[in-house]
Amino acid sequence: MALPQPTNRSGSLQTLSDFTEEEKGLLDEIQKKKSELQREIQQLKNDIAEVTAEIEAMDGVVDVPKQQDQKAKQFSTGRKKFNLDPQKGLNFLFMHGLLNDTPEDVAAFLYRGEGLNKRVIGEYLGKNKEFNLKCLAEFVKLHDFSDTSLVDALRHFLWSFRLPGEAQQIDRMMEAFAQRYCEQTTGIFKNSDTCYVLSFSVIMLNTSLHNVNVKSKMSIEQFINQNRGINDGGDLPEDMLRKLYDGIKKEEFKIPEDDGGSDLTQTFFNPDREGWLVKEGGKRKTWRRRWFILTENCLFYFKMPTDKEPRGIIPLENLQVRELTDAKKPHCFEIYSDASSAIKACKTDSEGKVVEGHHMVYRISARSEEEKEEWMKCIRASISRDPFYEMLQSRKKRVTHQEDGSPS
C-alpha cells in the first residue's frame, strides 16, 4: 500500500526543498527502514517457499518414479522434524502413512535410526508417558544379547541412542536393559539388580581407564573389591570380573557424543556463576585466591581465568552448603557432605597429575556478604538437580546383604 504524499498548508504536494533539515533526515531514515523491511519480507518469502517445497516434496527426480521419490522425501522430512520435535516428526509420518501409530513400529523406526539424532532418540524413549514406555519396552526387545558378554551388550545398547540427562530416565532405561540381558543370558546373575549395578560399574571403569584427565587408574583389585556382595549378597565369579576388566582395558567403551562434542571448554561457555573466591587448602590450611566457575552441577576452580584446564573439580551431587563464621576470613561458607567420608573431588598435583582430593569440607570466602549469598544460592540450585547418586546407592544396597544376614 502506497503511503499518502505530504502536502503543504495550501494543499499542493510538498517538494524536498519544503522540508527542514530535520524532516529530511527523518524521511531518509523512514525510506531506509522501508527498504530494509522490504528486503527482509522478500527473504522470509524465499525461506517459506523453500521450506514449503521441501515439506510438500511433490516433484519427481530424473529416472526415479514420482510416487517413490515423494515417499522418500516425506520420510526425510519426517526424520528432520523428529530431530527438532520428536512428537511432531512422528505425527507427520503417521499422517502420511509412512509409519503405523504403534509402539512396535515406532520402536523399529528408532532402532534403525537412519538420519535420527541419537540424543533425541534417548529423550523420546526416556519420557514417562504410557506410549513412550511401551516404545522403550519394544525398543529393548529389538536388541539380541544372546551369547553376548555384558560389555559387548552395553556397547551395542548404548550405541543405539544417547542416555538422557535426568536420573529417573536413566534409571528406567538401564533397568530395561538389565531385565532384557538377564532374560537372554540366564544363570549369570541372581537378579536384574545385580546386572544394573555392575553395568554402571563397567561404565565407571571405562572412564577411569580411558579418560586422559584421570591419572590414577582403577586397578583390577579395586574393580573386584568395588563389586563384592552385589550378587544378592554373594560375590560374582572373579574370573568373570577379570574378563570384564581386561575387555574394557583392551577396547574403550565408546558412547555417542551429544551435538557439539565433548570439548571441556564447551562446559564453560554459559556458566551459572563465575568469579574470584578465596579457598582454604586441604592438607595445608592456607587460603588462596582462585577463579571459580559453577556449571553442569560442578564447581571448577582455576589459578587464572585464562587457564584452559581447572586446578580442581568439585562434583556437587549430594553435597550441601552452609554459612560459616570464620575469624580468619570474612563472608565464609562451606561445602560439605553428610557422609563421614571425604568429598569425591579431584585436583591437579604439583606434577600436573589429576589426583583424588582429600577435603572433608571446602571452606570458601567471598569478597562481600551479598556475593557470598549469591554463590550459596547458585550452588544450592545446582546441588538440587541430580538425585541419581542416591538412586544408584539405593539399588546397590538392595542387592547387597549385610554380614549379619539381613534381607537385601
Foldseek 3Di string as FASTA:
>chain_A
DDDDADDDPVRHGDDPVVDDPVVVVVVVVVVVVVVVVVVVVVVVVVVVVVVVCQCQVQDDDPPDDRVVSSLVSQLLVLQVVCQVPVVVSVVSCCVVVNFPPALLRVLVVLQVVVSHAQASSQVQCLDPDPSSVSNLLNNLVVDQCAPHALLVLCLSVQQSHPHYDALSSNVSNLLSNLVSNCVRDPPQAPDSLLSSLVSVLLVVLLCQQPPPQRPDHDDLVNSQVVSAQLRLAHGGDSVSSVVSNVVCNVPRRDGDDHPPDDQVVVFQPDFPDWDWKWWADAPHRDIAIWIWTHGPQKIFTDNDPPDPDTQKIARQAQKAKDFDDDPVAPLKIKIAHPDPAAGFMWGADPVRHIDTDRHRMMMMHDPDNVVSVVVNVSNVVSRPRHPNVVVSVVSSVQSHADPVRDHD
